[in-house]
Amino acid sequence: MFIASSEYIAKKADSTILAIKINIGTPEPDPVSNGADYRCKIEISELSFREYSYGVDAVQSLCLAVQCLRYVIEPLTLQGWKFYFPQDLEHELDLMSILFPVHT
C-alpha cells in the first residue's frame, strides 16, 4: 500500500517523453529484523526503480524514503531531463526544488 504518489512527465535529453509515477509506501515493520526496525518502499516503475529505505522507526524510514528520491531524481536532472506536471507541459518544474526545498 502506498502512502503517497505523484505523477510527472519526464522529458529526456534526447526529447523522449516518459510519464512517471513516484510511489512511497506506508512504513512497515522490517521482517528481516523481526520488526525491530521499519522499512518504507520507494517505487518508480517506469525507471525500474524499486527499493526500500530502512529506519529505527516508521518516521525515520519515511523520511529516508523521501531522501532516497534525491538519489534518483538528481542524476536525471544533471543529465538534462526536464519535468512537468501532466496537465501543464508548457511550464518546466524544478523538481529538485519542489521535493527538496532549501531552508534558510
Protein backbone atom coordinates (compact mmCIF):
# COMPACT_ATOMS: atom_id res chain seq x y z
CA MET A 1 0.00 0.00 0.00
CA PHE A 2 1.28 3.46 -0.90
CA ILE A 3 1.04 6.43 1.42
CA ALA A 4 1.88 8.96 -1.31
CA SER A 5 2.02 9.07 -5.11
CA SER A 6 2.86 11.80 -7.59
CA GLU A 7 2.75 11.81 -11.36
CA TYR A 8 5.07 13.75 -13.65
CA ILE A 9 6.04 13.90 -17.28
CA ALA A 10 9.78 13.49 -17.83
CA LYS A 11 11.44 14.70 -21.00
CA LYS A 12 14.82 13.08 -21.52
CA ALA A 13 17.75 14.97 -23.02
CA ASP A 14 17.05 13.23 -26.36
CA SER A 15 13.44 14.62 -26.21
CA THR A 16 11.89 11.23 -25.42
CA ILE A 17 8.83 11.75 -23.23
CA LEU A 18 8.06 9.42 -20.34
CA ALA A 19 5.16 9.52 -17.88
CA ILE A 20 6.43 8.57 -14.43
CA LYS A 21 4.70 7.89 -11.15
CA ILE A 22 6.58 8.15 -7.86
CA ASN A 23 5.16 5.93 -5.12
CA ILE A 24 6.14 5.90 -1.46
CA GLY A 25 4.87 3.01 0.60
CA THR A 26 3.42 3.01 4.08
CA PRO A 27 6.13 2.33 6.68
CA GLU A 28 6.01 -1.24 7.91
CA PRO A 29 7.98 -3.41 10.34
CA ASP A 30 11.00 -4.92 8.62
CA PRO A 31 10.54 -8.70 8.56
CA VAL A 32 14.30 -9.32 8.40
CA SER A 33 14.82 -7.56 11.74
CA ASN A 34 11.76 -9.29 13.25
CA GLY A 35 10.02 -5.92 13.48
CA ALA A 36 12.81 -4.20 15.41
CA ASP A 37 13.29 -1.75 12.52
CA TYR A 38 10.98 -0.31 9.88
CA ARG A 39 11.12 -0.09 6.11
CA CYS A 40 9.40 2.04 3.51
CA LYS A 41 9.11 1.12 -0.18
CA ILE A 42 10.05 3.61 -2.89
CA GLU A 43 8.93 2.77 -6.41
CA ILE A 44 9.21 4.41 -9.81
CA SER A 45 8.21 1.55 -12.10
CA GLU A 46 8.89 3.43 -15.33
CA LEU A 47 12.56 3.78 -14.28
CA SER A 48 12.72 0.19 -12.97
CA PHE A 49 13.39 1.59 -9.50
CA ARG A 50 12.10 -0.39 -6.53
CA GLU A 51 13.92 -0.05 -3.24
CA TYR A 52 13.28 0.11 0.49
CA SER A 53 14.56 2.68 2.94
CA TYR A 54 15.15 1.47 6.48
CA GLY A 55 14.90 3.25 9.80
CA VAL A 56 14.75 2.63 13.52
CA ASP A 57 11.08 3.61 13.45
CA ALA A 58 8.30 4.37 10.98
CA VAL A 59 9.00 8.11 10.81
CA GLN A 60 12.70 7.67 10.08
CA SER A 61 12.03 5.09 7.35
CA LEU A 62 9.57 7.52 5.72
CA CYS A 63 11.98 10.47 5.93
CA LEU A 64 14.75 8.38 4.42
CA ALA A 65 12.42 7.26 1.62
CA VAL A 66 11.92 10.88 0.60
CA GLN A 67 15.67 11.49 0.75
CA CYS A 68 16.19 8.42 -1.43
CA LEU A 69 14.28 10.19 -4.20
CA ARG A 70 17.09 12.75 -4.34
CA TYR A 71 19.49 10.00 -5.45
CA VAL A 72 17.12 9.04 -8.26
CA ILE A 73 15.97 12.48 -9.48
CA GLU A 74 19.19 14.50 -9.14
CA PRO A 75 21.27 12.43 -11.63
CA LEU A 76 18.44 12.63 -14.17
CA THR A 77 18.32 16.41 -13.80
CA LEU A 78 22.09 16.60 -14.26
CA GLN A 79 21.73 14.51 -17.44
CA GLY A 80 19.34 17.13 -18.85
CA TRP A 81 15.99 15.59 -18.04
CA LYS A 82 13.13 18.07 -17.62
CA PHE A 83 10.00 17.51 -15.57
CA TYR A 84 6.41 18.73 -15.94
CA PHE A 85 3.01 18.20 -14.38
CA PRO A 86 0.91 16.02 -16.72
CA GLN A 87 -1.69 18.76 -17.10
CA ASP A 88 0.86 21.50 -17.90
CA LEU A 89 3.55 20.61 -20.40
CA GLU A 90 4.38 24.26 -21.11
CA HIS A 91 5.95 25.04 -17.73
CA GLU A 92 9.00 23.07 -16.66
CA LEU A 93 9.23 22.12 -12.98
CA ASP A 94 12.34 22.46 -10.88
CA LEU A 95 11.60 19.07 -9.36
CA MET A 96 14.63 19.16 -7.06
CA SER A 97 13.44 22.44 -5.52
CA ILE A 98 9.89 21.17 -5.21
CA LEU A 99 10.85 17.93 -3.48
CA PHE A 100 13.83 19.30 -1.53
CA PRO A 101 13.29 22.97 -0.70
CA VAL A 102 16.30 24.81 0.68
CA HIS A 103 15.75 26.19 4.16
CA THR A 104 17.39 29.47 5.07
